[in-house]
Amino acid sequence: MARVKAVLRRSETPHPAKEIHIGRHLVLDAERHEALVDGRALALTPTEFNILWLLASQPGRAFTREQILDHLWKGEKAVVDRTVDVHIRRLRDKLGTCDSLLKNIRGVGYKLDSGDI
């Protein structure tokens, strides 16, 4: 019985995070599909939220434009990789004081820095 319970414990998948805190000011809530800066909700499009959630799910990791596109559309649409740049620019505008968390890694893509903002 103990062996069966041990195998079942190991096979359980961890529950994905429902809320991610980035720095002291930015909070992402997956259940509500909203981002908050200092308690103020941002008016993000679903695509902008999904990009932000992807970057926040692994802070510090650089994602290429292709990885971001694959995450968003899973190869369903023929989209130019520069589309990501446009979404990132709009996202930075909406983040206001937290815009410096989004870092451009030259020649690679983007990452979210969980710095001391």
N, C-alpha and C. Protein backbone atom coordinates (compact mmCIF):
# COMPACT_ATOMS: atom_id res chain seq x y z
N MET A 1 0.83 -1.19 0.00
CA MET A 1 0.00 0.00 0.00
C MET A 1 0.88 1.26 0.00
N ALA A 2 1.96 1.24 0.76
CA ALA A 2 2.86 2.39 0.83
C ALA A 2 3.51 2.65 -0.52
N ARG A 3 3.87 1.58 -1.22
CA ARG A 3 4.49 1.73 -2.54
C ARG A 3 3.52 2.38 -3.53
N VAL A 4 2.29 1.95 -3.49
CA VAL A 4 1.28 2.52 -4.39
C VAL A 4 1.09 4.00 -4.09
N LYS A 5 1.00 4.35 -2.81
CA LYS A 5 0.84 5.75 -2.44
C LYS A 5 2.04 6.58 -2.87
N ALA A 6 3.25 6.02 -2.75
CA ALA A 6 4.45 6.73 -3.16
C ALA A 6 4.45 6.98 -4.66
N VAL A 7 4.05 5.98 -5.44
CA VAL A 7 3.99 6.14 -6.89
C VAL A 7 2.95 7.19 -7.26
N LEU A 8 1.80 7.15 -6.60
CA LEU A 8 0.77 8.14 -6.88
C LEU A 8 1.22 9.55 -6.52
N ARG A 9 1.94 9.70 -5.41
CA ARG A 9 2.46 11.01 -5.02
C ARG A 9 3.42 11.56 -6.06
N ARG A 10 4.29 10.69 -6.57
CA ARG A 10 5.27 11.14 -7.56
C ARG A 10 4.62 11.48 -8.89
N SER A 11 3.52 10.82 -9.21
CA SER A 11 2.89 11.05 -10.51
C SER A 11 1.96 12.25 -10.52
N GLU A 12 1.67 12.80 -9.35
CA GLU A 12 0.82 13.98 -9.30
C GLU A 12 1.51 15.15 -9.96
N THR A 13 0.75 15.87 -10.79
CA THR A 13 1.32 17.06 -11.42
C THR A 13 1.09 18.25 -10.50
N PRO A 14 2.08 19.08 -10.35
CA PRO A 14 1.89 20.25 -9.50
C PRO A 14 0.86 21.20 -10.13
N HIS A 15 0.10 21.86 -9.29
CA HIS A 15 -0.89 22.81 -9.78
C HIS A 15 -0.17 24.06 -10.27
N PRO A 16 -0.54 24.54 -11.45
CA PRO A 16 0.10 25.75 -11.93
C PRO A 16 -0.25 26.94 -11.03
N ALA A 17 0.65 27.87 -10.98
CA ALA A 17 0.43 29.06 -10.15
C ALA A 17 -0.79 29.81 -10.66
N LYS A 18 -1.59 30.29 -9.73
CA LYS A 18 -2.77 31.07 -10.11
C LYS A 18 -2.49 32.56 -9.98
N GLU A 19 -1.43 32.88 -9.24
CA GLU A 19 -1.07 34.27 -9.04
C GLU A 19 0.45 34.37 -9.01
N ILE A 20 0.98 35.35 -9.71
CA ILE A 20 2.43 35.57 -9.74
C ILE A 20 2.71 37.00 -9.31
N HIS A 21 3.62 37.15 -8.36
CA HIS A 21 4.04 38.48 -7.90
C HIS A 21 5.41 38.77 -8.51
N ILE A 22 5.53 39.90 -9.18
CA ILE A 22 6.79 40.31 -9.78
C ILE A 22 7.21 41.60 -9.10
N GLY A 23 8.33 41.54 -8.42
CA GLY A 23 8.76 42.72 -7.68
C GLY A 23 7.76 43.05 -6.58
N ARG A 24 7.69 44.30 -6.22
CA ARG A 24 6.77 44.72 -5.15
C ARG A 24 5.47 45.29 -5.70
N HIS A 25 5.42 45.57 -7.00
CA HIS A 25 4.29 46.33 -7.51
C HIS A 25 3.39 45.59 -8.50
N LEU A 26 3.88 44.55 -9.15
CA LEU A 26 3.13 43.91 -10.22
C LEU A 26 2.64 42.53 -9.78
N VAL A 27 1.34 42.30 -9.97
CA VAL A 27 0.72 41.01 -9.64
C VAL A 27 -0.10 40.55 -10.84
N LEU A 28 0.08 39.27 -11.21
CA LEU A 28 -0.71 38.67 -12.28
C LEU A 28 -1.64 37.64 -11.68
N ASP A 29 -2.91 37.71 -12.02
CA ASP A 29 -3.91 36.78 -11.52
C ASP A 29 -4.49 36.01 -12.70
N ALA A 30 -4.19 34.71 -12.76
CA ALA A 30 -4.61 33.89 -13.90
C ALA A 30 -6.12 33.63 -13.89
N GLU A 31 -6.69 33.45 -12.71
CA GLU A 31 -8.12 33.17 -12.64
C GLU A 31 -8.96 34.35 -13.12
N ARG A 32 -8.54 35.53 -12.79
CA ARG A 32 -9.27 36.74 -13.22
C ARG A 32 -8.76 37.26 -14.56
N HIS A 33 -7.64 36.72 -14.99
CA HIS A 33 -7.00 37.14 -16.24
C HIS A 33 -6.73 38.64 -16.20
N GLU A 34 -6.10 39.08 -15.09
CA GLU A 34 -5.81 40.51 -14.97
C GLU A 34 -4.44 40.72 -14.34
N ALA A 35 -3.90 41.88 -14.66
CA ALA A 35 -2.62 42.31 -14.11
C ALA A 35 -2.88 43.56 -13.28
N LEU A 36 -2.22 43.63 -12.13
CA LEU A 36 -2.38 44.76 -11.23
C LEU A 36 -1.04 45.42 -10.98
N VAL A 37 -1.00 46.73 -11.10
CA VAL A 37 0.18 47.50 -10.72
C VAL A 37 -0.24 48.38 -9.55
N ASP A 38 0.36 48.13 -8.40
CA ASP A 38 0.01 48.84 -7.17
C ASP A 38 -1.50 48.78 -6.90
N GLY A 39 -2.09 47.62 -7.15
CA GLY A 39 -3.51 47.42 -6.89
C GLY A 39 -4.44 47.95 -7.96
N ARG A 40 -3.89 48.57 -8.99
CA ARG A 40 -4.69 49.13 -10.08
C ARG A 40 -4.68 48.17 -11.26
N ALA A 41 -5.88 47.78 -11.71
CA ALA A 41 -5.99 46.84 -12.82
C ALA A 41 -5.57 47.50 -14.14
N LEU A 42 -4.82 46.75 -14.93
CA LEU A 42 -4.40 47.23 -16.25
C LEU A 42 -5.37 46.71 -17.30
N ALA A 43 -5.61 47.49 -18.31
CA ALA A 43 -6.49 47.09 -19.41
C ALA A 43 -5.65 46.39 -20.47
N LEU A 44 -5.35 45.10 -20.24
CA LEU A 44 -4.53 44.34 -21.18
C LEU A 44 -5.41 43.51 -22.10
N THR A 45 -4.96 43.37 -23.32
CA THR A 45 -5.62 42.45 -24.24
C THR A 45 -5.25 41.03 -23.83
N PRO A 46 -6.01 40.02 -24.28
CA PRO A 46 -5.64 38.64 -23.96
C PRO A 46 -4.22 38.28 -24.42
N THR A 47 -3.82 38.78 -25.57
CA THR A 47 -2.47 38.49 -26.08
C THR A 47 -1.42 39.12 -25.19
N GLU A 48 -1.62 40.36 -24.77
CA GLU A 48 -0.66 41.04 -23.89
C GLU A 48 -0.57 40.31 -22.56
N PHE A 49 -1.71 39.89 -22.01
CA PHE A 49 -1.69 39.17 -20.74
C PHE A 49 -0.95 37.85 -20.89
N ASN A 50 -1.19 37.14 -21.98
CA ASN A 50 -0.53 35.84 -22.19
C ASN A 50 0.98 35.99 -22.35
N ILE A 51 1.42 37.03 -23.01
CA ILE A 51 2.86 37.28 -23.13
C ILE A 51 3.44 37.56 -21.75
N LEU A 52 2.78 38.42 -21.01
CA LEU A 52 3.26 38.77 -19.67
C LEU A 52 3.27 37.55 -18.76
N TRP A 53 2.25 36.71 -18.84
CA TRP A 53 2.18 35.49 -18.02
C TRP A 53 3.32 34.54 -18.39
N LEU A 54 3.57 34.37 -19.69
CA LEU A 54 4.67 33.50 -20.12
C LEU A 54 5.99 33.98 -19.57
N LEU A 55 6.28 35.26 -19.72
CA LEU A 55 7.54 35.81 -19.23
C LEU A 55 7.64 35.73 -17.71
N ALA A 56 6.52 35.95 -17.02
CA ALA A 56 6.51 35.92 -15.55
C ALA A 56 6.60 34.51 -15.00
N SER A 57 6.19 33.52 -15.80
CA SER A 57 6.22 32.14 -15.31
C SER A 57 7.65 31.65 -15.10
N GLN A 58 8.60 32.26 -15.79
CA GLN A 58 10.01 31.91 -15.63
C GLN A 58 10.83 33.19 -15.65
N PRO A 59 10.77 33.96 -14.56
CA PRO A 59 11.48 35.24 -14.55
C PRO A 59 12.98 35.06 -14.75
N GLY A 60 13.54 35.94 -15.52
CA GLY A 60 14.97 35.87 -15.79
C GLY A 60 15.32 35.05 -17.02
N ARG A 61 14.41 34.21 -17.49
CA ARG A 61 14.67 33.41 -18.68
C ARG A 61 14.33 34.21 -19.92
N ALA A 62 15.22 34.21 -20.88
CA ALA A 62 14.99 34.92 -22.13
C ALA A 62 14.21 34.02 -23.09
N PHE A 63 13.15 34.55 -23.64
CA PHE A 63 12.33 33.85 -24.62
C PHE A 63 12.56 34.49 -25.98
N THR A 64 12.74 33.67 -26.99
CA THR A 64 12.87 34.19 -28.35
C THR A 64 11.49 34.61 -28.85
N ARG A 65 11.49 35.41 -29.88
CA ARG A 65 10.21 35.82 -30.48
C ARG A 65 9.45 34.59 -30.97
N GLU A 66 10.16 33.63 -31.52
CA GLU A 66 9.52 32.42 -32.03
C GLU A 66 8.87 31.62 -30.90
N GLN A 67 9.53 31.54 -29.74
CA GLN A 67 8.96 30.83 -28.61
C GLN A 67 7.69 31.53 -28.12
N ILE A 68 7.71 32.84 -28.11
CA ILE A 68 6.53 33.60 -27.69
C ILE A 68 5.39 33.38 -28.68
N LEU A 69 5.70 33.44 -29.98
CA LEU A 69 4.67 33.20 -31.00
C LEU A 69 4.10 31.80 -30.89
N ASP A 70 4.96 30.81 -30.67
CA ASP A 70 4.49 29.42 -30.53
C ASP A 70 3.57 29.29 -29.32
N HIS A 71 3.92 29.97 -28.24
CA HIS A 71 3.08 29.92 -27.03
C HIS A 71 1.72 30.55 -27.29
N LEU A 72 1.70 31.64 -28.03
CA LEU A 72 0.46 32.36 -28.25
C LEU A 72 -0.46 31.68 -29.26
N TRP A 73 0.10 31.28 -30.40
CA TRP A 73 -0.74 30.77 -31.48
C TRP A 73 -0.46 29.33 -31.85
N LYS A 74 0.53 28.71 -31.26
CA LYS A 74 0.84 27.30 -31.49
C LYS A 74 0.87 26.93 -32.98
N GLY A 75 1.44 27.82 -33.78
CA GLY A 75 1.62 27.55 -35.20
C GLY A 75 0.35 27.65 -36.03
N GLU A 76 -0.76 28.09 -35.43
CA GLU A 76 -2.02 28.16 -36.16
C GLU A 76 -2.06 29.29 -37.17
N LYS A 77 -1.42 30.39 -36.85
CA LYS A 77 -1.46 31.55 -37.72
C LYS A 77 -0.08 31.81 -38.31
N ALA A 78 -0.08 32.38 -39.48
CA ALA A 78 1.18 32.82 -40.07
C ALA A 78 1.38 34.27 -39.61
N VAL A 79 2.21 34.42 -38.57
CA VAL A 79 2.41 35.73 -37.97
C VAL A 79 3.88 36.10 -38.06
N VAL A 80 4.15 37.35 -38.36
CA VAL A 80 5.51 37.85 -38.44
C VAL A 80 6.04 38.01 -37.02
N ASP A 81 7.32 37.66 -36.81
CA ASP A 81 7.88 37.72 -35.46
C ASP A 81 7.92 39.14 -34.90
N ARG A 82 7.86 40.14 -35.75
CA ARG A 82 7.85 41.53 -35.28
C ARG A 82 6.54 41.88 -34.58
N THR A 83 5.52 41.04 -34.75
CA THR A 83 4.26 41.24 -34.05
C THR A 83 4.50 41.24 -32.55
N VAL A 84 5.42 40.42 -32.08
CA VAL A 84 5.76 40.36 -30.67
C VAL A 84 6.29 41.70 -30.21
N ASP A 85 7.12 42.33 -31.03
CA ASP A 85 7.68 43.64 -30.67
C ASP A 85 6.58 44.68 -30.45
N VAL A 86 5.56 44.64 -31.28
CA VAL A 86 4.46 45.59 -31.16
C VAL A 86 3.70 45.34 -29.85
N HIS A 87 3.43 44.07 -29.55
CA HIS A 87 2.73 43.74 -28.31
C HIS A 87 3.56 44.14 -27.09
N ILE A 88 4.86 43.92 -27.14
CA ILE A 88 5.74 44.29 -26.03
C ILE A 88 5.74 45.80 -25.83
N ARG A 89 5.79 46.56 -26.92
CA ARG A 89 5.78 48.02 -26.82
C ARG A 89 4.48 48.50 -26.16
N ARG A 90 3.37 47.94 -26.58
CA ARG A 90 2.07 48.33 -25.99
C ARG A 90 2.00 47.90 -24.52
N LEU A 91 2.56 46.76 -24.23
CA LEU A 91 2.59 46.26 -22.86
C LEU A 91 3.41 47.17 -21.97
N ARG A 92 4.55 47.63 -22.47
CA ARG A 92 5.38 48.57 -21.70
C ARG A 92 4.64 49.87 -21.43
N ASP A 93 3.91 50.35 -22.42
CA ASP A 93 3.13 51.58 -22.23
C ASP A 93 2.11 51.40 -21.11
N LYS A 94 1.46 50.26 -21.09
CA LYS A 94 0.42 50.01 -20.10
C LYS A 94 0.97 49.71 -18.70
N LEU A 95 2.18 49.17 -18.63
CA LEU A 95 2.78 48.85 -17.33
C LEU A 95 3.21 50.11 -16.57
N GLY A 96 3.41 51.19 -17.26
CA GLY A 96 3.76 52.45 -16.60
C GLY A 96 5.07 52.34 -15.83
N THR A 97 5.01 52.49 -14.50
CA THR A 97 6.22 52.50 -13.68
C THR A 97 6.93 51.15 -13.66
N CYS A 98 6.24 50.08 -14.03
CA CYS A 98 6.85 48.74 -14.03
C CYS A 98 7.38 48.35 -15.41
N ASP A 99 7.41 49.28 -16.34
CA ASP A 99 7.85 48.95 -17.70
C ASP A 99 9.29 48.49 -17.77
N SER A 100 10.10 48.88 -16.81
CA SER A 100 11.52 48.49 -16.83
C SER A 100 11.72 47.02 -16.49
N LEU A 101 10.67 46.33 -16.06
CA LEU A 101 10.78 44.90 -15.79
C LEU A 101 10.93 44.10 -17.08
N LEU A 102 10.37 44.60 -18.17
CA LEU A 102 10.48 43.93 -19.47
C LEU A 102 11.81 44.30 -20.11
N LYS A 103 12.63 43.32 -20.28
CA LYS A 103 13.97 43.55 -20.84
C LYS A 103 14.06 42.99 -22.25
N ASN A 104 14.69 43.75 -23.12
CA ASN A 104 14.98 43.29 -24.47
C ASN A 104 16.39 42.72 -24.47
N ILE A 105 16.52 41.46 -24.87
CA ILE A 105 17.82 40.82 -24.98
C ILE A 105 18.20 40.85 -26.45
N ARG A 106 19.13 41.71 -26.77
CA ARG A 106 19.50 41.94 -28.17
C ARG A 106 19.90 40.64 -28.87
N GLY A 107 19.28 40.40 -30.01
CA GLY A 107 19.58 39.22 -30.81
C GLY A 107 18.90 37.96 -30.31
N VAL A 108 18.17 38.05 -29.20
CA VAL A 108 17.52 36.85 -28.64
C VAL A 108 16.02 37.07 -28.58
N GLY A 109 15.57 37.97 -27.71
CA GLY A 109 14.15 38.18 -27.53
C GLY A 109 13.88 39.01 -26.30
N TYR A 110 13.04 38.49 -25.39
CA TYR A 110 12.63 39.25 -24.23
C TYR A 110 12.66 38.39 -22.98
N LYS A 111 12.80 39.08 -21.84
CA LYS A 111 12.68 38.41 -20.55
C LYS A 111 12.05 39.38 -19.57
N LEU A 112 11.55 38.83 -18.49
CA LEU A 112 10.98 39.63 -17.41
C LEU A 112 11.91 39.56 -16.25
N ASP A 113 12.39 40.71 -15.83
CA ASP A 113 13.31 40.79 -14.71
C ASP A 113 12.50 41.08 -13.45
N SER A 114 12.68 40.28 -12.44
CA SER A 114 11.92 40.48 -11.21
C SER A 114 12.69 41.34 -10.24
N GLY A 115 13.29 42.40 -10.75
CA GLY A 115 14.14 43.29 -9.96
C GLY A 115 13.42 43.97 -8.83
N ASP A 116 14.09 44.88 -8.21
CA ASP A 116 13.58 45.56 -7.02
C ASP A 116 12.74 46.78 -7.36
N ILE A 117 11.83 46.62 -8.25
CA ILE A 117 10.95 47.75 -8.60
C ILE A 117 9.78 47.78 -7.68
